[in-house]
Protein backbone atom coordinates (compact mmCIF):
# COMPACT_ATOMS: atom_id res chain seq x y z
CA MET A 1 22.90 59.29 -24.48
CA GLN A 2 25.24 61.21 -22.26
CA MET A 3 24.89 60.44 -18.52
CA HIS A 4 25.74 63.38 -16.39
CA ASN A 5 27.44 63.75 -12.88
CA ASN A 6 25.21 66.36 -11.55
CA VAL A 7 25.57 69.18 -9.00
CA LEU A 8 22.78 70.20 -6.71
CA ALA A 9 22.78 74.09 -6.76
CA PHE A 10 20.77 76.44 -4.34
CA ASP A 11 20.67 80.20 -4.52
CA VAL A 12 19.67 81.21 -0.96
CA GLY A 13 17.68 84.46 -0.42
CA GLY A 14 16.09 85.87 2.58
CA THR A 15 12.55 84.94 1.19
CA TYR A 16 13.12 82.19 -1.50
CA VAL A 17 15.68 79.61 -2.34
CA LYS A 18 16.06 78.99 -6.06
CA ALA A 19 17.45 75.62 -6.96
CA GLY A 20 18.55 73.74 -10.00
CA ILE A 21 20.15 70.45 -11.00
CA ILE A 22 23.33 71.42 -12.98
CA ARG A 23 24.68 68.99 -15.55
CA SER A 24 28.38 68.54 -16.29
CA ASP A 25 28.07 70.61 -19.51
CA GLY A 26 26.74 73.60 -17.40
CA THR A 27 23.09 73.25 -18.44
CA LEU A 28 19.98 72.93 -16.26
CA ALA A 29 18.51 69.40 -16.13
CA GLU A 30 15.09 70.89 -15.52
CA PRO A 31 13.48 74.29 -14.85
CA VAL A 32 14.63 76.10 -11.71
CA VAL A 33 12.67 75.07 -8.55
CA VAL A 34 11.71 77.73 -6.02
CA TYR A 35 11.31 76.97 -2.30
CA PRO A 36 10.49 79.16 0.62
CA ALA A 37 13.58 80.20 2.49
CA ARG A 38 12.08 80.19 6.03
CA SER A 39 14.91 82.46 7.07
CA GLU A 40 13.27 83.21 10.52
CA ASP A 41 13.10 79.60 11.61
CA THR A 42 15.00 78.14 14.48
CA ARG A 43 18.56 76.64 13.96
CA GLU A 44 17.37 73.00 13.85
CA GLU A 45 14.26 73.87 11.70
CA LEU A 46 16.59 75.50 9.21
CA LEU A 47 18.92 72.73 9.08
CA GLN A 48 16.22 70.24 8.66
CA HIS A 49 14.67 72.47 5.96
CA PHE A 50 17.90 72.72 3.94
CA ALA A 51 18.28 68.90 4.27
CA PHE A 52 14.78 68.56 2.91
CA LEU A 53 15.50 70.82 -0.11
CA VAL A 54 18.74 68.56 -0.84
CA LYS A 55 16.46 65.54 -0.61
CA ASP A 56 13.69 66.91 -2.81
CA LEU A 57 16.05 68.17 -5.47
CA GLY A 58 18.22 65.03 -5.28
CA MET A 59 15.26 62.67 -5.99
CA ARG A 60 14.64 64.65 -9.24
CA VAL A 61 18.04 63.54 -10.59
CA GLN A 62 17.39 61.16 -13.53
CA VAL A 63 17.83 57.35 -12.87
CA GLY A 64 21.25 56.24 -13.76
CA GLU A 65 22.90 59.68 -13.29
CA THR A 66 24.95 60.58 -10.11
CA ILE A 67 25.29 63.52 -7.79
CA ARG A 68 28.82 65.01 -7.70
CA GLY A 69 28.15 67.58 -4.83
CA ILE A 70 25.82 70.20 -3.31
CA GLY A 71 26.69 73.92 -3.70
CA PHE A 72 25.02 76.97 -1.92
CA ALA A 73 25.05 80.47 -2.87
CA PHE A 74 24.57 82.01 0.64
CA PRO A 75 24.37 85.60 1.74
CA GLY A 76 27.13 87.13 3.85
CA PRO A 77 28.62 87.75 6.30
CA PHE A 78 29.90 84.16 5.95
CA GLU A 79 33.12 82.36 6.34
CA TYR A 80 32.70 80.55 3.09
CA GLU A 81 35.87 78.33 3.17
CA SER A 82 35.13 76.89 6.55
CA GLY A 83 31.32 76.90 6.28
CA ILE A 84 30.52 79.13 9.32
CA CYS A 85 27.62 81.36 9.06
CA ARG A 86 28.18 84.92 10.46
CA ILE A 87 24.83 86.50 9.80
CA ARG A 88 23.58 88.74 12.42
CA GLY A 89 21.41 91.82 12.66
CA LEU A 90 19.88 91.45 9.13
CA ASN A 91 16.49 89.84 10.16
CA LYS A 92 17.30 86.66 8.34
CA PHE A 93 19.01 83.33 9.19
CA GLU A 94 19.93 84.75 12.67
CA SER A 95 19.54 81.36 14.23
CA LEU A 96 22.57 80.08 12.05
CA TYR A 97 25.00 82.59 13.55
CA GLY A 98 28.05 80.50 14.41
CA VAL A 99 26.89 77.36 12.91
CA ASN A 100 29.19 75.36 10.66
CA LEU A 101 26.62 74.73 7.87
CA LYS A 102 28.80 72.45 5.87
CA GLU A 103 29.34 70.07 8.91
CA GLU A 104 25.78 70.20 10.04
CA LEU A 105 24.20 69.66 6.61
CA THR A 106 26.67 66.88 5.68
CA GLU A 107 25.60 64.93 8.86
CA ARG A 108 22.02 65.16 7.74
CA ILE A 109 22.48 64.51 4.17
CA VAL A 110 24.56 61.34 4.31
CA VAL A 111 21.71 59.44 6.15
CA ILE A 112 18.85 60.42 3.60
CA PRO A 113 17.82 56.99 2.33
CA GLU A 114 16.26 58.31 -0.75
CA LEU A 115 19.73 59.49 -1.91
CA GLN A 116 21.74 56.37 -1.18
CA GLY A 117 23.42 55.05 -4.35
CA LYS A 118 23.07 58.33 -6.08
CA TRP A 119 26.38 59.89 -5.02
CA SER A 120 29.44 59.58 -7.18
CA ASP A 121 31.47 59.79 -4.07
CA SER A 122 30.98 60.90 -0.36
CA PRO A 123 28.55 63.86 -0.34
CA VAL A 124 30.36 67.23 -0.51
CA ILE A 125 29.03 70.74 0.19
CA ALA A 126 30.57 73.85 -1.15
CA ILE A 127 29.31 77.34 -0.03
CA GLU A 128 30.28 80.80 -1.75
CA ASN A 129 28.60 84.14 -1.99
CA ASP A 130 26.20 84.84 -4.84
CA ALA A 131 28.35 87.59 -6.62
CA ALA A 132 31.26 85.12 -6.84
CA LEU A 133 28.98 82.35 -8.27
CA PHE A 134 27.40 84.62 -10.62
CA ALA A 135 30.95 85.58 -11.81
CA LEU A 136 31.92 81.86 -12.18
CA GLY A 137 28.65 81.07 -13.99
CA GLU A 138 28.99 83.81 -16.58
CA CYS A 139 32.73 83.22 -17.05
CA GLY A 140 32.22 79.41 -17.52
CA TYR A 141 28.90 79.57 -19.54
CA GLY A 142 27.84 83.05 -20.23
CA VAL A 143 28.87 86.44 -21.61
CA GLY A 144 32.27 86.32 -19.78
CA LYS A 145 33.34 83.00 -21.50
CA PRO A 146 35.47 84.51 -24.29
CA TYR A 147 37.47 86.64 -21.69
CA PRO A 148 40.36 85.09 -19.68
CA ARG A 149 40.34 87.92 -16.97
CA THR A 150 37.21 89.71 -15.82
CA ILE A 151 36.01 91.98 -13.06
CA CYS A 152 32.30 91.02 -12.27
CA LEU A 153 29.80 93.26 -10.48
CA THR A 154 26.39 92.74 -9.19
CA ILE A 155 24.35 95.76 -8.56
CA GLY A 156 21.03 95.68 -6.63
CA THR A 157 20.24 96.22 -3.02
CA GLY A 158 23.93 96.07 -2.49
CA PHE A 159 27.10 95.97 -4.41
CA GLY A 160 28.79 92.50 -5.01
CA SER A 161 32.10 91.94 -6.92
CA ALA A 162 34.41 89.21 -7.92
CA PHE A 163 37.71 88.95 -9.77
CA VAL A 164 38.04 85.82 -12.17
CA SER A 165 41.14 84.68 -13.99
CA SER A 166 40.82 81.50 -16.14
CA ASN A 167 37.54 80.58 -14.55
CA ARG A 168 39.07 80.83 -11.06
CA LEU A 169 38.25 83.27 -8.38
CA VAL A 170 41.04 85.52 -7.56
CA LYS A 171 40.54 86.49 -3.84
CA GLN A 172 43.89 88.26 -3.16
CA GLY A 173 47.00 89.47 -4.65
CA GLU A 174 48.08 92.50 -6.74
CA GLY A 175 45.11 94.69 -7.79
CA VAL A 176 42.65 92.68 -5.84
CA PRO A 177 40.98 93.60 -2.61
CA PRO A 178 40.66 91.08 0.12
CA GLU A 179 38.18 88.35 -1.00
CA GLY A 180 37.55 90.17 -4.26
CA TRP A 181 35.06 92.45 -2.44
CA LEU A 182 34.85 96.19 -3.42
CA TYR A 183 31.75 97.02 -1.48
CA ARG A 184 33.59 97.86 1.85
CA LEU A 185 36.35 99.98 0.48
CA PRO A 186 36.22 103.71 1.19
CA TYR A 187 34.66 106.00 -1.30
CA ARG A 188 33.68 109.52 -0.99
CA ASP A 189 32.05 110.12 2.44
CA GLY A 190 31.37 106.51 3.03
CA ILE A 191 32.10 103.09 1.39
CA ILE A 192 31.44 102.07 -2.16
CA ASP A 193 28.24 100.15 -1.16
CA ASP A 194 26.81 103.49 -0.05
CA TYR A 195 26.97 104.68 -3.71
CA ILE A 196 26.89 101.83 -6.15
CA SER A 197 23.62 100.29 -4.95
CA ARG A 198 19.89 100.84 -4.89
CA ARG A 199 20.14 103.09 -1.98
CA GLY A 200 23.07 104.96 -3.84
CA ILE A 201 20.66 105.69 -6.78
CA ILE A 202 17.84 106.93 -4.51
CA GLN A 203 20.05 109.10 -2.48
CA LEU A 204 21.59 110.57 -5.76
CA ALA A 205 18.16 111.23 -7.07
CA HIS A 206 17.21 113.24 -3.91
CA GLU A 207 20.40 115.20 -4.16
CA MET A 208 19.63 116.07 -7.79
CA GLY A 209 16.27 117.36 -6.83
CA ILE A 210 14.09 114.66 -8.60
CA LYS A 211 10.45 114.67 -7.50
CA ASN A 212 7.87 112.12 -7.08
CA ILE A 213 10.13 109.38 -6.01
CA VAL A 214 7.96 106.58 -4.47
CA VAL A 215 10.44 104.74 -2.21
CA GLY A 216 10.00 100.94 -2.45
CA ASP A 217 10.69 97.65 -4.31
CA ASN A 218 10.13 99.30 -7.65
CA ASP A 219 11.75 102.83 -7.11
CA VAL A 220 14.82 102.32 -9.35
CA LYS A 221 12.60 100.68 -12.06
CA CYS A 222 10.32 103.67 -11.96
CA LEU A 223 13.06 106.08 -12.20
CA ALA A 224 14.50 103.99 -15.22
CA GLU A 225 11.07 104.18 -16.99
CA ARG A 226 11.16 107.94 -16.52
CA ALA A 227 14.71 108.12 -18.05
CA TYR A 228 13.53 105.91 -21.06
CA LEU A 229 10.72 108.43 -21.63
CA GLY A 230 13.30 111.12 -21.98
CA GLU A 231 12.82 113.01 -18.60
CA VAL A 232 16.02 114.96 -18.32
CA LEU A 233 16.95 114.59 -14.73
CA PRO A 234 16.33 110.81 -14.46
CA VAL A 235 18.67 110.51 -17.64
CA GLN A 236 21.32 112.47 -15.94
CA LEU A 237 20.87 110.47 -12.74
CA PHE A 238 21.88 107.21 -14.52
CA CYS A 239 24.67 108.85 -16.48
CA GLU A 240 26.13 110.20 -13.15
CA PHE A 241 25.73 106.62 -11.66
CA GLY A 242 27.52 105.33 -14.49
CA GLU A 243 30.37 107.80 -13.90
CA ARG A 244 30.59 106.74 -10.38
CA ILE A 245 31.02 102.97 -11.49
CA LYS A 246 33.84 104.17 -13.70
CA GLU A 247 35.44 106.12 -10.85
CA VAL A 248 35.27 103.08 -8.57
CA LEU A 249 36.72 100.60 -11.13
CA ASN A 250 39.44 102.64 -12.68
CA PRO A 251 42.13 101.86 -10.22
CA PHE A 252 41.30 98.04 -10.33
CA ILE A 253 41.30 98.17 -14.11
CA HIS A 254 44.82 99.52 -14.00
CA SER A 255 46.09 97.04 -11.53
CA PHE A 256 44.22 93.75 -12.50
CA GLN A 257 44.00 94.48 -16.25
CA PRO A 258 40.90 92.61 -17.03
CA ASP A 259 39.86 91.78 -20.56
CA ALA A 260 36.29 92.68 -19.71
CA ILE A 261 33.87 94.05 -17.14
CA LEU A 262 30.63 91.95 -16.41
CA ILE A 263 27.64 93.71 -14.83
CA GLY A 264 24.64 91.73 -13.49
CA GLY A 265 21.86 92.12 -10.86
CA GLN A 266 18.49 93.85 -10.77
CA ILE A 267 19.79 97.24 -11.52
CA ALA A 268 21.71 95.81 -14.55
CA LYS A 269 18.35 95.77 -16.30
CA SER A 270 18.77 99.47 -16.66
CA ALA A 271 22.49 99.43 -17.55
CA ASP A 272 21.99 100.76 -20.99
CA LEU A 273 21.13 104.11 -19.27
CA PHE A 274 24.66 104.15 -17.64
CA ASN A 275 26.46 105.01 -20.85
CA LEU A 276 29.07 102.26 -20.19
CA CYS A 277 29.94 100.62 -23.42
CA GLN A 278 33.47 100.50 -21.98
CA ILE A 279 35.62 101.66 -19.11
CA ALA A 280 39.20 102.76 -19.88
CA SER A 281 38.99 100.97 -23.26
CA ILE A 282 37.78 97.71 -21.43
CA PRO A 283 34.46 96.31 -22.96
CA VAL A 284 31.52 96.13 -20.55
CA ARG A 285 29.08 93.24 -20.94
CA ILE A 286 25.65 93.18 -19.31
CA THR A 287 23.62 90.16 -18.03
CA THR A 288 20.47 90.17 -15.92
CA ASP A 289 20.27 86.47 -15.49
CA LEU A 290 21.65 86.49 -12.05
CA SER A 291 20.15 83.52 -10.31
CA VAL A 292 20.65 80.96 -13.07
CA SER A 293 24.22 82.30 -13.64
CA ALA A 294 24.86 81.75 -9.82
CA LEU A 295 23.47 78.19 -10.03
CA LYS A 296 25.70 77.46 -12.93
CA GLY A 297 28.59 78.92 -11.16
CA VAL A 298 28.19 76.26 -8.28
CA TYR A 299 29.18 73.69 -10.76
CA GLN A 300 32.41 75.61 -11.53
CA LEU A 301 33.44 75.20 -7.85
CA PHE A 302 33.37 71.42 -8.29
CA GLN A 303 35.32 71.68 -11.42
CA LYS A 304 38.24 73.08 -9.34
CA SER A 305 37.77 70.75 -6.31
């Protein structure tokens, strides 16, 4: 039986933390575990909480197997390379502003007695944003695996993006915006994130005169259901949203020359309404498995370390 050198992977959200033990072949050792995020706790409470999550997940690693490292998909703003949290004004993880999460967590993790002897080397922590890890997971193990170069998008509350070449994140260079982030680039009367996101869809719906929109957690889902039932304006809404995605991506398709476009996130569940089989002759592939892909993407970080 193959013995694995595992990675403990955590996808941190404002309400919940989804976690999984990722084996060396990219599979989950057991079903995903969900913990409370406790994002409004004090600095020390949060650091102790995250250390506890590492301990709890680490103790689930099978006897005889090892832990290669720990990876976090963490929301931004964040200085991912250095490990310093820059979240402020978002009503979550405010107490971690300016904290070097890598250093602080490493100090607490190395002394956990229950994990002594489980590490394959000294404990290493990697942190990256969820869109980048989704991209690495899908390109390493999912629908992006056949394609050497991809532009990966996540569309939900906001707009995430990552550029990938040969299973490596590309964060600079010709045809790539800084960090691979499209969301903050100028677009129409604002930035891309204003238009390619949940609020972008709702704003467009209002502009088109669509009635009976109940704004809330399921507003886009309800609009999609109306489109699937054949209601004309909601059908036109999602087609126009797809046109905006094309408009945003066309310059980067020309400069980066990807082999495929990958789209994930909550709104990707309605992606068949976007009329996006391809963009500028580049195939578009859809996946809605955002969290599991992000967890698998964590292992890709360690394959490159």
